[in-house]
Amino acid sequence: MTPGPMPPALPISGTRQIPLDLGHRSAMGEADFLVAPGNQDAVAWLDSWPDWPAPALVIFGPSGSGKSHLAQIWRARARANLLQVDDLRTDDLPDLLHPTRAAVLDGAQQVAGDPMLERALFHLYNLARDAGGHLLLLADKAPINWVLRLPDLRSRMLAAPAVGMATPDDALFMAVLVKLFVDRQIRVGEDVIVWLLTRTERSFANARRVVDRLDREALAAKKPITVRFCRQILGDSGESAWA
C-alpha cells in the first residue's frame, strides 16, 4: 500500500503553519489514521486482508505504537472477536472464532512458557486455517523472540507474516495532535502543539484523550486553548493528561 497524496499544511492560529508531510486517509473506511513510515507496512498488510498468505498475521511493537487502533479498524472490517490470552483457557476454542471465523488476540506473546496456552493457540491457529478464517495477533515483540516451548506452535508463528510498528516520532505525533484539533475545528498556536508534544505520553490513544479533555474544558470555561490553559487543565508537566 502506498500512502495517498500528501495533504496541505493544516492551519493554526497566527501566520505559521505546521506541515503534515504524511499520508492521511480514512484507513479501510472505518477510522481516520495517519499513515507514516512507522506504521505503513502494518496498514498495507491489513489492507490486503483476506488475501494473507497464512491464517495469522502478527503485528508487534511497543505500547503506544498504534497496534490497538489498527486492530480495532480491522475488527470492524472483519467483524472479528477481540480475545485476551486468558480467553484461551476454554474447552470450546471453536467458539472464539464464531461466527465470522476471525479474531484478534491481544498480548499474544503472553502464551509463551505456559503449556496450556501454547497448545490452545496452536489449536486455535489450526481451527482458523481449517475454517478459512484468520487471526490477528498483537504482541510487544516479534514471534522469533517469544520463548515458545511447543515446537509446532513455534514453527507456525515463525511462518506467519510479522510486521513491526514504531512509537510515533515527533513529526507523526505533532501531526496527530494538529489533526485532532482541526477535526474539532479548534485553532491552536504552534506553542500549544509543542508544549503537548514534550509533555504527554507518546501514543495515539492518549493524544485523543488529551485533545478531547482540552476541548471539553475549553467549551465549559469559554476560553481559548493556550499553553497557559493547558497548564491549568493538565498540570505543568502534563502528567494529569494520562493519569
Protein backbone atom coordinates (compact mmCIF):
# COMPACT_ATOMS: atom_id res chain seq x y z
CA MET A 1 0.00 0.00 0.00
CA THR A 2 1.30 3.40 -0.94
CA PRO A 3 0.08 6.37 1.10
CA GLY A 4 -2.18 8.76 -0.78
CA PRO A 5 -1.27 12.28 -1.85
CA MET A 6 0.33 14.46 0.78
CA PRO A 7 -2.20 16.83 2.32
CA PRO A 8 -1.62 20.55 2.60
CA ALA A 9 -0.39 22.03 5.84
CA LEU A 10 -3.06 22.33 8.49
CA PRO A 11 -3.77 25.87 9.65
CA ILE A 12 -3.09 27.03 13.17
CA SER A 13 -3.57 30.44 14.70
CA GLY A 14 -1.09 33.11 13.70
CA THR A 15 0.87 33.22 10.48
CA ARG A 16 2.79 29.94 10.77
CA GLN A 17 1.58 26.51 9.75
CA ILE A 18 2.61 23.03 10.78
CA PRO A 19 3.28 20.97 7.63
CA LEU A 20 1.94 17.43 7.60
CA ASP A 21 4.36 15.50 5.41
CA LEU A 22 2.38 12.31 5.98
CA GLY A 23 -0.16 10.36 4.03
CA HIS A 24 -3.57 10.82 5.61
CA ARG A 25 -6.54 8.70 4.69
CA SER A 26 -9.55 7.01 6.14
CA ALA A 27 -7.95 3.66 6.93
CA MET A 28 -10.07 0.88 5.42
CA GLY A 29 -13.08 3.18 5.56
CA GLU A 30 -13.56 2.72 9.29
CA ALA A 31 -11.50 5.30 11.18
CA ASP A 32 -9.08 8.13 10.49
CA PHE A 33 -5.46 7.08 10.56
CA LEU A 34 -2.25 8.86 9.68
CA VAL A 35 -0.02 6.66 7.56
CA ALA A 36 3.67 7.18 8.27
CA PRO A 37 6.91 5.19 7.88
CA GLY A 38 6.50 3.64 11.31
CA ASN A 39 3.12 2.07 10.52
CA GLN A 40 2.67 1.91 6.75
CA ASP A 41 3.75 -1.73 6.46
CA ALA A 42 1.19 -2.81 9.05
CA VAL A 43 -1.52 -0.79 7.31
CA ALA A 44 -0.62 -2.39 3.98
CA TRP A 45 -0.88 -5.90 5.45
CA LEU A 46 -4.29 -5.17 6.96
CA ASP A 47 -5.43 -3.64 3.69
CA SER A 48 -4.52 -6.88 1.92
CA TRP A 49 -6.87 -8.97 4.08
CA PRO A 50 -8.32 -11.52 3.40
CA ASP A 51 -5.53 -12.31 0.94
CA TRP A 52 -2.99 -13.18 3.61
CA PRO A 53 -0.52 -15.99 2.83
CA ALA A 54 -1.18 -17.61 6.22
CA PRO A 55 -4.09 -17.89 8.67
CA ALA A 56 -2.40 -15.48 11.07
CA LEU A 57 -0.75 -12.08 10.93
CA VAL A 58 1.40 -10.77 13.79
CA ILE A 59 1.68 -7.03 14.43
CA PHE A 60 4.26 -6.19 17.05
CA GLY A 61 5.57 -3.03 18.63
CA PRO A 62 5.80 -1.10 21.90
CA SER A 63 2.84 0.25 23.80
CA GLY A 64 1.60 3.43 22.18
CA SER A 65 2.64 2.47 18.66
CA GLY A 66 -0.97 2.26 17.45
CA LYS A 67 -1.40 -1.53 17.30
CA SER A 68 -4.72 -1.42 19.12
CA HIS A 69 -6.04 1.33 16.85
CA LEU A 70 -5.28 -0.65 13.72
CA ALA A 71 -6.68 -3.80 15.30
CA GLN A 72 -9.97 -2.01 16.00
CA ILE A 73 -10.15 -0.93 12.37
CA TRP A 74 -9.56 -4.49 11.18
CA ARG A 75 -12.03 -5.86 13.73
CA ALA A 76 -14.75 -3.64 12.32
CA ARG A 77 -14.00 -4.76 8.80
CA ALA A 78 -13.66 -8.48 9.56
CA ARG A 79 -16.28 -8.46 12.34
CA ALA A 80 -13.66 -10.24 14.42
CA ASN A 81 -13.83 -11.16 18.08
CA LEU A 82 -11.44 -9.49 20.49
CA LEU A 83 -9.63 -12.00 22.69
CA GLN A 84 -7.30 -11.75 25.66
CA VAL A 85 -4.85 -14.53 26.43
CA ASP A 86 -6.96 -15.84 29.33
CA ASP A 87 -9.82 -16.42 26.87
CA LEU A 88 -7.76 -19.32 25.54
CA ARG A 89 -8.40 -21.18 28.79
CA THR A 90 -11.57 -22.74 27.49
CA ASP A 91 -12.77 -26.14 26.35
CA ASP A 92 -14.68 -24.51 23.48
CA LEU A 93 -11.96 -22.97 21.32
CA PRO A 94 -14.17 -23.03 18.18
CA ASP A 95 -16.50 -20.57 19.92
CA LEU A 96 -13.71 -18.00 19.95
CA LEU A 97 -13.92 -17.80 16.16
CA HIS A 98 -17.71 -17.85 15.94
CA PRO A 99 -19.47 -16.60 13.87
CA THR A 100 -17.10 -14.87 11.42
CA ARG A 101 -14.03 -17.12 11.68
CA ALA A 102 -11.90 -14.14 12.68
CA ALA A 103 -10.36 -12.97 15.94
CA VAL A 104 -7.84 -10.52 17.36
CA LEU A 105 -5.64 -11.85 20.17
CA ASP A 106 -4.09 -9.07 22.24
CA GLY A 107 -0.84 -9.74 24.11
CA ALA A 108 -0.23 -12.91 22.12
CA GLN A 109 3.36 -13.26 23.36
CA GLN A 110 1.98 -13.97 26.84
CA VAL A 111 1.22 -17.56 25.84
CA ALA A 112 4.95 -18.30 25.79
CA GLY A 113 6.04 -20.63 28.58
CA ASP A 114 2.53 -21.74 29.54
CA PRO A 115 1.96 -25.25 28.11
CA MET A 116 -1.83 -24.96 28.20
CA LEU A 117 -1.93 -21.57 26.50
CA GLU A 118 0.62 -22.60 23.88
CA ARG A 119 -1.46 -25.67 23.00
CA ALA A 120 -4.62 -23.56 22.90
CA LEU A 121 -3.11 -21.04 20.48
CA PHE A 122 -1.77 -23.89 18.35
CA HIS A 123 -5.26 -25.40 18.12
CA LEU A 124 -6.89 -22.01 17.51
CA TYR A 125 -4.47 -21.41 14.65
CA ASN A 126 -5.38 -24.79 13.15
CA LEU A 127 -9.10 -24.12 13.59
CA ALA A 128 -8.77 -20.80 11.78
CA ARG A 129 -6.75 -22.44 8.99
CA ASP A 130 -9.20 -25.30 8.53
CA ALA A 131 -12.19 -22.93 8.50
CA GLY A 132 -10.59 -20.47 6.11
CA GLY A 133 -10.52 -17.88 8.88
CA HIS A 134 -7.89 -15.50 10.22
CA LEU A 135 -6.17 -14.46 13.42
CA LEU A 136 -4.62 -11.06 14.05
CA LEU A 137 -2.06 -11.42 16.83
CA LEU A 138 -0.86 -8.32 18.68
CA ALA A 139 2.40 -8.52 20.60
CA ASP A 140 5.15 -6.39 22.09
CA LYS A 141 7.89 -8.19 20.18
CA ALA A 142 8.36 -10.35 17.10
CA PRO A 143 7.50 -14.08 17.31
CA ILE A 144 11.14 -15.02 16.89
CA ASN A 145 11.68 -13.53 20.36
CA TRP A 146 8.83 -15.45 22.02
CA VAL A 147 10.20 -18.31 24.12
CA LEU A 148 7.78 -20.94 22.86
CA ARG A 149 8.19 -24.50 24.13
CA LEU A 150 5.75 -26.16 21.75
CA PRO A 151 7.70 -26.81 18.52
CA ASP A 152 4.61 -26.97 16.32
CA LEU A 153 3.37 -23.61 17.58
CA ARG A 154 6.79 -22.04 17.17
CA SER A 155 7.00 -23.22 13.57
CA ARG A 156 3.58 -21.76 12.78
CA MET A 157 4.36 -18.44 14.43
CA LEU A 158 7.66 -18.13 12.59
CA ALA A 159 5.91 -18.96 9.30
CA ALA A 160 3.23 -16.31 9.82
CA PRO A 161 3.93 -12.84 8.42
CA ALA A 162 5.00 -10.45 11.15
CA VAL A 163 5.25 -6.68 10.85
CA GLY A 164 6.54 -4.18 13.36
CA MET A 165 5.21 -0.77 14.34
CA ALA A 166 7.21 2.04 15.89
CA THR A 167 6.24 4.51 18.58
CA PRO A 168 5.19 7.77 16.90
CA ASP A 169 8.13 10.10 16.32
CA ASP A 170 7.93 13.86 16.84
CA ALA A 171 6.68 14.58 13.33
CA LEU A 172 3.92 11.98 13.43
CA PHE A 173 2.78 12.80 16.96
CA MET A 174 2.68 16.51 16.13
CA ALA A 175 0.63 15.71 13.02
CA VAL A 176 -1.80 13.63 15.06
CA LEU A 177 -2.29 16.42 17.60
CA VAL A 178 -2.83 19.03 14.89
CA LYS A 179 -5.31 16.83 13.05
CA LEU A 180 -7.30 16.08 16.20
CA PHE A 181 -7.70 19.80 16.89
CA VAL A 182 -8.59 20.56 13.27
CA ASP A 183 -11.18 17.77 13.25
CA ARG A 184 -12.89 19.66 16.08
CA GLN A 185 -12.49 22.97 14.23
CA ILE A 186 -10.22 24.26 17.00
CA ARG A 187 -7.43 26.67 16.08
CA VAL A 188 -4.42 26.46 18.37
CA GLY A 189 -1.00 28.04 18.31
CA GLU A 190 2.12 26.09 17.44
CA ASP A 191 3.30 26.71 21.00
CA VAL A 192 0.38 24.60 22.25
CA ILE A 193 1.31 21.70 19.96
CA VAL A 194 4.97 21.86 21.00
CA TRP A 195 4.02 22.05 24.70
CA LEU A 196 1.82 18.95 24.38
CA LEU A 197 4.44 17.17 22.28
CA THR A 198 7.02 17.42 25.06
CA ARG A 199 4.74 16.68 27.99
CA THR A 200 2.27 13.97 27.03
CA GLU A 201 2.60 10.23 26.65
CA ARG A 202 3.51 9.40 23.06
CA SER A 203 0.52 7.34 21.96
CA PHE A 204 -2.45 7.78 19.63
CA ALA A 205 -4.95 6.89 22.34
CA ASN A 206 -3.52 9.43 24.73
CA ALA A 207 -3.49 12.15 22.08
CA ARG A 208 -7.24 11.65 21.64
CA ARG A 209 -7.84 11.74 25.40
CA VAL A 210 -5.83 14.93 25.80
CA VAL A 211 -7.46 16.80 22.92
CA ASP A 212 -10.93 15.65 23.96
CA ARG A 213 -10.36 16.83 27.52
CA LEU A 214 -8.99 20.20 26.45
CA ASP A 215 -11.92 20.65 24.07
CA ARG A 216 -14.49 19.89 26.78
CA GLU A 217 -12.79 22.06 29.39
CA ALA A 218 -12.37 24.97 26.98
CA LEU A 219 -16.03 24.83 25.99
CA ALA A 220 -17.11 24.73 29.62
CA ALA A 221 -14.82 27.64 30.56
CA LYS A 222 -15.45 29.50 27.28
CA LYS A 223 -11.72 30.05 26.90
CA PRO A 224 -9.28 29.51 24.03
CA ILE A 225 -6.80 26.66 24.28
CA THR A 226 -3.46 28.27 25.07
CA VAL A 227 -0.34 26.97 26.79
CA ARG A 228 -1.49 28.66 29.99
CA PHE A 229 -4.88 26.94 29.72
CA CYS A 230 -3.17 23.58 29.08
CA ARG A 231 -1.11 24.04 32.24
CA GLN A 232 -4.25 24.80 34.24
CA ILE A 233 -6.03 21.69 32.98
CA LEU A 234 -3.20 19.19 32.64
CA GLY A 235 -0.63 20.47 35.11
CA ASP A 236 2.72 21.93 34.17
CA SER A 237 4.22 18.51 33.45
CA GLY A 238 1.17 17.32 31.54
CA GLU A 239 1.09 14.20 33.72
CA SER A 240 -2.61 14.51 34.54
CA ALA A 241 -3.32 14.08 30.85
CA TRP A 242 -2.85 10.34 31.20
CA ALA A 243 -3.02 9.74 34.95
